[in-house]
């Protein structure tokens, strides 16, 4: 296992490719940074009931 293995970090470096074993552009988390806030999903209103004759 090494330069010829596509699944290892060394193999990814040898082939000049990126993947799970060789992450590209990952930033370390900053201590005390602002957490990302996600908006809750918008709730749909129930359709009005049809009047029966």
Protein backbone atom coordinates (compact mmCIF):
# COMPACT_ATOMS: atom_id res chain seq x y z
CA UNK A 1 0.00 0.00 0.00
CA UNK A 2 1.42 3.33 -0.97
CA UNK A 3 1.96 5.30 -4.16
CA UNK A 4 0.00 2.91 -6.34
CA UNK A 5 -3.00 2.66 -4.03
CA UNK A 6 -5.79 5.02 -5.14
CA UNK A 7 -7.55 4.82 -1.76
CA UNK A 8 -4.70 6.21 0.36
CA UNK A 9 -3.51 9.77 0.82
CA UNK A 10 -0.11 8.95 -0.67
CA UNK A 11 -1.76 7.40 -3.72
CA UNK A 12 -3.94 10.48 -4.21
CA UNK A 13 -0.88 12.73 -4.02
CA UNK A 14 0.94 10.51 -6.53
CA UNK A 15 -1.95 10.67 -9.00
CA UNK A 16 -2.55 14.40 -8.37
CA UNK A 17 -6.22 13.79 -7.55
CA UNK A 18 -8.44 14.69 -4.65
CA UNK A 19 -10.96 12.62 -2.73
CA UNK A 20 -12.04 11.50 0.73
CA UNK A 21 -8.53 10.44 1.62
CA UNK A 22 -7.09 13.79 0.53
CA UNK A 23 -9.48 16.59 1.36
CA UNK A 24 -9.09 19.82 -0.60
CA UNK A 25 -9.47 23.30 0.92
CA UNK A 26 -10.84 22.29 4.33
CA UNK A 27 -10.67 25.17 6.82
CA UNK A 28 -10.16 24.46 10.52
CA UNK A 29 -12.95 25.64 12.82
CA UNK A 30 -12.25 28.93 14.60
CA UNK A 31 -12.79 28.94 18.36
CA UNK A 32 -15.41 31.49 19.41
CA UNK A 33 -16.68 31.97 15.86
CA UNK A 34 -20.29 32.60 14.97
CA UNK A 35 -22.27 29.39 14.50
CA UNK A 36 -24.16 29.06 11.23
CA UNK A 37 -27.90 29.48 11.68
CA UNK A 38 -30.32 27.61 9.46
CA UNK A 39 -33.85 28.84 8.94
CA UNK A 40 -36.65 26.43 9.86
CA UNK A 41 -38.67 25.08 6.95
CA UNK A 42 -41.70 27.18 6.09
CA UNK A 43 -44.88 25.47 7.26
CA UNK A 44 -47.55 25.05 4.59
CA UNK A 45 -51.11 26.01 5.43
CA UNK A 46 -53.74 23.31 5.12
CA UNK A 47 -56.05 23.69 2.12
CA UNK A 48 -59.54 24.86 3.07
CA UNK A 49 -62.20 22.14 3.18
CA UNK A 50 -64.70 22.10 0.34
CA UNK A 51 -68.32 22.70 1.24
CA UNK A 52 -70.63 19.77 0.61
CA UNK A 53 -74.08 20.42 -0.84
